[in-house]
Amino acid sequence: VGLSLTLEIVRNVAEISDQNIVNQFFQQFTRLILGDTFSVLTDPDHRSGFMLQVDILSLFIRIVEVNKLTVPLYKEGEEAPPGTTNAAYLHQYLAQSLHNAFPHLEDQQIAQFVNALFTSYGDRKQFASHVRDFLVQIKEFGGDDGWLYDEERKQQIEEQQKAQRERDLKVGGLVKPSDLEE
């Protein structure tokens, strides 16, 4: 519920017509929400909600990439030089945060991951694939990374069951009368 609510709030605020409210919200909550999302995403005890976490991350990147904000997300001069774009700042912020959280990773690994996020934010499947690859790289999850594909497996099973039911309905007597939709 928390991830769904967070995603819905961020989406709704991004669509508000009053740009001052949009700017204030993202200035105040971007780092907090992204930090918490990455914290939960990389915690092996929190395995559910992977795709919602992916959606939250990609939404924030999309917002800065399409210049939705008219003010900097950062304190000019303190966190970034004046004139730094929000996209450049967020890119640097994510790289630095990940480096601090996972010092055992090479700078190149982190840079490749963050670059991949910024180039794939519009493609949910590819974006999720990059996040999965990163989670495997940080080795926080040991050898059990099968849970990363739970949502895709669930969708595939549902599609197979639906296709099987449609085939069964074409042959009289394969579906019990009590299971037929009226």
C-alpha atoms as a PDB file:
ATOM      1  CA  VAL A   1       0.000   0.000   0.000  1.00  0.00           C
ATOM      2  CA  GLY A   2       2.832   2.412   0.870  1.00  0.00           C
ATOM      3  CA  LEU A   3       4.567   2.038  -2.483  1.00  0.00           C
ATOM      4  CA  SER A   4       1.314   2.358  -4.413  1.00  0.00           C
ATOM      5  CA  LEU A   5       0.393   5.445  -2.446  1.00  0.00           C
ATOM      6  CA  THR A   6       3.824   7.004  -2.953  1.00  0.00           C
ATOM      7  CA  LEU A   7       3.675   6.382  -6.685  1.00  0.00           C
ATOM      8  CA  GLU A   8       0.153   7.806  -6.918  1.00  0.00           C
ATOM      9  CA  ILE A   9       1.074  10.931  -4.908  1.00  0.00           C
ATOM     10  CA  VAL A  10       4.149  11.607  -7.038  1.00  0.00           C
ATOM     11  CA  ARG A  11       2.136  11.134 -10.250  1.00  0.00           C
ATOM     12  CA  ASN A  12      -0.665  13.381  -9.019  1.00  0.00           C
ATOM     13  CA  VAL A  13       1.643  16.149  -7.805  1.00  0.00           C
ATOM     14  CA  ALA A  14       3.541  16.105 -11.100  1.00  0.00           C
ATOM     15  CA  GLU A  15       0.241  16.836 -12.880  1.00  0.00           C
ATOM     16  CA  ILE A  16      -0.849  19.765 -10.677  1.00  0.00           C
ATOM     17  CA  SER A  17      -1.243  22.955 -12.697  1.00  0.00           C
ATOM     18  CA  ASP A  18       0.249  25.198  -9.968  1.00  0.00           C
ATOM     19  CA  GLN A  19       3.970  24.985 -10.776  1.00  0.00           C
ATOM     20  CA  ASN A  20       4.926  26.436  -7.373  1.00  0.00           C
ATOM     21  CA  ILE A  21       3.362  23.464  -5.587  1.00  0.00           C
ATOM     22  CA  VAL A  22       5.023  21.017  -7.978  1.00  0.00           C
ATOM     23  CA  ASN A  23       8.422  22.655  -7.482  1.00  0.00           C
ATOM     24  CA  GLN A  24       8.119  22.791  -3.684  1.00  0.00           C
ATOM     25  CA  PHE A  25       7.040  19.170  -3.443  1.00  0.00           C
ATOM     26  CA  PHE A  26       9.900  17.856  -5.556  1.00  0.00           C
ATOM     27  CA  GLN A  27      12.487  20.107  -3.910  1.00  0.00           C
ATOM     28  CA  GLN A  28      11.442  18.844  -0.510  1.00  0.00           C
ATOM     29  CA  PHE A  29      10.754  15.148  -1.170  1.00  0.00           C
ATOM     30  CA  THR A  30      12.822  13.929  -4.136  1.00  0.00           C
ATOM     31  CA  ARG A  31      15.919  12.901  -2.182  1.00  0.00           C
ATOM     32  CA  LEU A  32      13.850  11.469   0.667  1.00  0.00           C
ATOM     33  CA  ILE A  33      11.619   9.331  -1.554  1.00  0.00           C
ATOM     34  CA  LEU A  34      14.476   8.160  -3.783  1.00  0.00           C
ATOM     35  CA  GLY A  35      16.642   7.351  -0.756  1.00  0.00           C
ATOM     36  CA  ASP A  36      13.884   5.362   0.895  1.00  0.00           C
ATOM     37  CA  THR A  37      13.026   3.598  -2.360  1.00  0.00           C
ATOM     38  CA  PHE A  38      16.625   2.517  -2.940  1.00  0.00           C
ATOM     39  CA  SER A  39      16.944   1.522   0.705  1.00  0.00           C
ATOM     40  CA  VAL A  40      13.938  -0.777   0.505  1.00  0.00           C
ATOM     41  CA  LEU A  41      14.852  -1.986  -2.982  1.00  0.00           C
ATOM     42  CA  THR A  42      18.298  -3.128  -1.866  1.00  0.00           C
ATOM     43  CA  ASP A  43      17.151  -4.623   1.442  1.00  0.00           C
ATOM     44  CA  PRO A  44      16.880  -8.420   1.102  1.00  0.00           C
ATOM     45  CA  ASP A  45      14.113  -8.472   3.718  1.00  0.00           C
ATOM     46  CA  HIS A  46      11.833  -6.353   1.498  1.00  0.00           C
ATOM     47  CA  ARG A  47      11.309  -8.383  -1.621  1.00  0.00           C
ATOM     48  CA  SER A  48       7.766  -7.476  -2.556  1.00  0.00           C
ATOM     49  CA  GLY A  49       6.839  -4.425  -4.565  1.00  0.00           C
ATOM     50  CA  PHE A  50       9.789  -4.574  -6.953  1.00  0.00           C
ATOM     51  CA  MET A  51       7.882  -3.233  -9.953  1.00  0.00           C
ATOM     52  CA  LEU A  52       6.352  -0.409  -7.908  1.00  0.00           C
ATOM     53  CA  GLN A  53       9.843   0.591  -6.768  1.00  0.00           C
ATOM     54  CA  VAL A  54      10.974   0.502 -10.394  1.00  0.00           C
ATOM     55  CA  ASP A  55       8.011   2.700 -11.370  1.00  0.00           C
ATOM     56  CA  ILE A  56       8.825   5.238  -8.637  1.00  0.00           C
ATOM     57  CA  LEU A  57      12.461   5.471  -9.711  1.00  0.00           C
ATOM     58  CA  SER A  58      11.647   5.805 -13.400  1.00  0.00           C
ATOM     59  CA  LEU A  59       8.991   8.440 -12.700  1.00  0.00           C
ATOM     60  CA  PHE A  60      11.449  10.690 -10.860  1.00  0.00           C
ATOM     61  CA  ILE A  61      13.968  10.349 -13.680  1.00  0.00           C
ATOM     62  CA  ARG A  62      11.293  11.118 -16.275  1.00  0.00           C
ATOM     63  CA  ILE A  63      10.235  14.229 -14.348  1.00  0.00           C
ATOM     64  CA  VAL A  64      13.751  15.690 -14.397  1.00  0.00           C
ATOM     65  CA  GLU A  65      14.506  14.521 -17.938  1.00  0.00           C
ATOM     66  CA  VAL A  66      11.444  16.262 -19.399  1.00  0.00           C
ATOM     67  CA  ASN A  67      12.190  19.428 -17.380  1.00  0.00           C
ATOM     68  CA  LYS A  68       8.923  19.268 -15.433  1.00  0.00           C
ATOM     69  CA  LEU A  69      10.464  21.394 -12.674  1.00  0.00           C
ATOM     70  CA  THR A  70      11.261  25.071 -13.070  1.00  0.00           C
ATOM     71  CA  VAL A  71      13.586  25.345 -10.054  1.00  0.00           C
ATOM     72  CA  PRO A  72      16.678  23.385  -9.025  1.00  0.00           C
ATOM     73  CA  LEU A  73      16.251  20.328  -6.802  1.00  0.00           C
ATOM     74  CA  TYR A  74      19.458  21.301  -5.019  1.00  0.00           C
ATOM     75  CA  LYS A  75      20.856  24.233  -3.082  1.00  0.00           C
ATOM     76  CA  GLU A  76      22.846  26.171  -5.629  1.00  0.00           C
ATOM     77  CA  GLY A  77      26.499  26.472  -4.738  1.00  0.00           C
ATOM     78  CA  GLU A  78      26.257  23.936  -1.902  1.00  0.00           C
ATOM     79  CA  GLU A  79      25.132  20.715  -3.564  1.00  0.00           C
ATOM     80  CA  ALA A  80      25.854  21.606  -7.184  1.00  0.00           C
ATOM     81  CA  PRO A  81      27.236  24.533  -9.152  1.00  0.00           C
ATOM     82  CA  PRO A  82      24.722  27.160 -10.273  1.00  0.00           C
ATOM     83  CA  GLY A  83      23.196  26.299 -13.633  1.00  0.00           C
ATOM     84  CA  THR A  84      23.377  22.525 -13.138  1.00  0.00           C
ATOM     85  CA  THR A  85      20.311  20.904 -14.666  1.00  0.00           C
ATOM     86  CA  ASN A  86      18.062  18.832 -12.436  1.00  0.00           C
ATOM     87  CA  ALA A  87      18.791  15.800 -14.610  1.00  0.00           C
ATOM     88  CA  ALA A  88      22.551  16.265 -14.170  1.00  0.00           C
ATOM     89  CA  TYR A  89      22.114  16.836 -10.446  1.00  0.00           C
ATOM     90  CA  LEU A  90      19.916  13.762  -9.990  1.00  0.00           C
ATOM     91  CA  HIS A  91      22.366  11.681 -12.012  1.00  0.00           C
ATOM     92  CA  GLN A  92      25.233  12.807  -9.767  1.00  0.00           C
ATOM     93  CA  TYR A  93      23.139  12.437  -6.605  1.00  0.00           C
ATOM     94  CA  LEU A  94      22.151   8.854  -7.422  1.00  0.00           C
ATOM     95  CA  ALA A  95      25.724   7.893  -8.333  1.00  0.00           C
ATOM     96  CA  GLN A  96      27.118   9.397  -5.125  1.00  0.00           C
ATOM     97  CA  SER A  97      24.398   7.847  -2.944  1.00  0.00           C
ATOM     98  CA  LEU A  98      24.967   4.404  -4.451  1.00  0.00           C
ATOM     99  CA  HIS A  99      28.733   4.779  -4.086  1.00  0.00           C
ATOM    100  CA  ASN A 100      28.285   5.642  -0.405  1.00  0.00           C
ATOM    101  CA  ALA A 101      25.886   2.745   0.154  1.00  0.00           C
ATOM    102  CA  PHE A 102      27.955   0.182  -1.779  1.00  0.00           C
ATOM    103  CA  PRO A 103      31.632   1.109  -1.523  1.00  0.00           C
ATOM    104  CA  HIS A 104      32.625  -2.353  -2.739  1.00  0.00           C
ATOM    105  CA  LEU A 105      31.314  -1.517  -6.224  1.00  0.00           C
ATOM    106  CA  GLU A 106      33.577   0.097  -8.786  1.00  0.00           C
ATOM    107  CA  ASP A 107      32.754   3.647  -9.852  1.00  0.00           C
ATOM    108  CA  GLN A 108      32.388   2.353 -13.405  1.00  0.00           C
ATOM    109  CA  GLN A 109      29.690  -0.151 -12.341  1.00  0.00           C
ATOM    110  CA  ILE A 110      27.712   2.575 -10.615  1.00  0.00           C
ATOM    111  CA  ALA A 111      28.147   4.987 -13.531  1.00  0.00           C
ATOM    112  CA  GLN A 112      26.963   2.352 -16.013  1.00  0.00           C
ATOM    113  CA  PHE A 113      23.918   1.582 -13.862  1.00  0.00           C
ATOM    114  CA  VAL A 114      22.916   5.224 -13.418  1.00  0.00           C
ATOM    115  CA  ASN A 115      23.491   5.932 -17.131  1.00  0.00           C
ATOM    116  CA  ALA A 116      21.317   2.919 -17.964  1.00  0.00           C
ATOM    117  CA  LEU A 117      18.532   4.250 -15.731  1.00  0.00           C
ATOM    118  CA  PHE A 118      18.595   7.610 -17.478  1.00  0.00           C
ATOM    119  CA  THR A 119      18.560   6.071 -20.956  1.00  0.00           C
ATOM    120  CA  SER A 120      15.823   3.524 -20.241  1.00  0.00           C
ATOM    121  CA  TYR A 121      13.354   5.349 -17.976  1.00  0.00           C
ATOM    122  CA  GLY A 122      10.742   5.304 -20.753  1.00  0.00           C
ATOM    123  CA  ASP A 123      10.868   1.519 -21.197  1.00  0.00           C
ATOM    124  CA  ARG A 124       9.547  -0.184 -18.060  1.00  0.00           C
ATOM    125  CA  LYS A 125      10.804  -3.642 -18.996  1.00  0.00           C
ATOM    126  CA  GLN A 126      14.317  -2.492 -19.867  1.00  0.00           C
ATOM    127  CA  PHE A 127      14.468  -0.208 -16.813  1.00  0.00           C
ATOM    128  CA  ALA A 128      13.449  -3.093 -14.524  1.00  0.00           C
ATOM    129  CA  SER A 129      16.066  -5.284 -16.177  1.00  0.00           C
ATOM    130  CA  HIS A 130      18.787  -2.756 -15.361  1.00  0.00           C
ATOM    131  CA  VAL A 131      17.616  -2.553 -11.754  1.00  0.00           C
ATOM    132  CA  ARG A 132      17.608  -6.370 -11.490  1.00  0.00           C
ATOM    133  CA  ASP A 133      21.118  -6.544 -12.903  1.00  0.00           C
ATOM    134  CA  PHE A 134      22.275  -3.994 -10.351  1.00  0.00           C
ATOM    135  CA  LEU A 135      20.679  -5.895  -7.474  1.00  0.00           C
ATOM    136  CA  VAL A 136      22.526  -9.006  -8.566  1.00  0.00           C
ATOM    137  CA  GLN A 137      25.769  -7.020  -8.778  1.00  0.00           C
ATOM    138  CA  ILE A 138      25.566  -5.715  -5.234  1.00  0.00           C
ATOM    139  CA  LYS A 139      25.328  -9.317  -4.011  1.00  0.00           C
ATOM    140  CA  GLU A 140      23.003  -8.322  -1.209  1.00  0.00           C
ATOM    141  CA  PHE A 141      20.706 -11.183  -2.082  1.00  0.00           C
ATOM    142  CA  GLY A 142      23.125 -14.099  -2.205  1.00  0.00           C
ATOM    143  CA  GLY A 143      22.240 -16.749  -4.742  1.00  0.00           C
ATOM    144  CA  ASP A 144      18.460 -16.331  -4.509  1.00  0.00           C
ATOM    145  CA  ASP A 145      17.507 -13.760  -7.104  1.00  0.00           C
ATOM    146  CA  GLY A 146      14.516 -15.682  -8.483  1.00  0.00           C
ATOM    147  CA  TRP A 147      12.117 -13.395  -6.618  1.00  0.00           C
ATOM    148  CA  LEU A 148      13.152 -10.598  -8.974  1.00  0.00           C
ATOM    149  CA  TYR A 149      11.064 -12.255 -11.680  1.00  0.00           C
ATOM    150  CA  ASP A 150       7.962 -13.091  -9.592  1.00  0.00           C
ATOM    151  CA  GLU A 151       5.708 -10.510 -11.242  1.00  0.00           C
ATOM    152  CA  GLU A 152       6.625 -11.632 -14.756  1.00  0.00           C
ATOM    153  CA  ARG A 153       6.093 -15.292 -13.813  1.00  0.00           C
ATOM    154  CA  LYS A 154       2.727 -14.501 -12.266  1.00  0.00           C
ATOM    155  CA  GLN A 155       1.633 -12.643 -15.398  1.00  0.00           C
ATOM    156  CA  GLN A 156       2.828 -15.498 -17.621  1.00  0.00           C
ATOM    157  CA  ILE A 157       0.922 -18.084 -15.549  1.00  0.00           C
ATOM    158  CA  GLU A 158      -2.247 -15.986 -15.692  1.00  0.00           C
ATOM    159  CA  GLU A 159      -1.946 -15.675 -19.470  1.00  0.00           C
ATOM    160  CA  GLN A 160      -1.402 -19.437 -19.818  1.00  0.00           C
ATOM    161  CA  GLN A 161      -4.420 -20.186 -17.613  1.00  0.00           C
ATOM    162  CA  LYS A 162      -6.587 -17.790 -19.616  1.00  0.00           C
ATOM    163  CA  ALA A 163      -5.467 -19.368 -22.904  1.00  0.00           C
ATOM    164  CA  GLN A 164      -6.126 -22.877 -21.527  1.00  0.00           C
ATOM    165  CA  ARG A 165      -9.612 -21.865 -20.375  1.00  0.00           C
ATOM    166  CA  GLU A 166     -10.398 -20.424 -23.799  1.00  0.00           C
ATOM    167  CA  ARG A 167      -9.296 -23.699 -25.435  1.00  0.00           C
ATOM    168  CA  ASP A 168     -11.354 -25.719 -22.943  1.00  0.00           C
ATOM    169  CA  LEU A 169     -14.453 -23.612 -23.592  1.00  0.00           C
ATOM    170  CA  LYS A 170     -14.254 -24.479 -27.291  1.00  0.00           C
ATOM    171  CA  VAL A 171     -14.685 -28.170 -26.485  1.00  0.00           C
ATOM    172  CA  GLY A 172     -18.021 -29.050 -24.945  1.00  0.00           C
ATOM    173  CA  GLY A 173     -17.866 -30.893 -21.627  1.00  0.00           C
ATOM    174  CA  LEU A 174     -14.326 -29.902 -20.598  1.00  0.00           C
ATOM    175  CA  VAL A 175     -15.530 -27.121 -18.315  1.00  0.00           C
ATOM    176  CA  LYS A 176     -17.911 -27.934 -15.478  1.00  0.00           C
ATOM    177  CA  PRO A 177     -21.257 -26.133 -15.791  1.00  0.00           C
ATOM    178  CA  SER A 178     -20.669 -24.528 -12.382  1.00  0.00           C
ATOM    179  CA  ASP A 179     -17.441 -22.943 -13.712  1.00  0.00           C
ATOM    180  CA  LEU A 180     -19.076 -21.388 -16.758  1.00  0.00           C
ATOM    181  CA  GLU A 181     -19.608 -17.649 -16.703  1.00  0.00           C
ATOM    182  CA  GLU A 182     -23.175 -16.605 -17.306  1.00  0.00           C
END
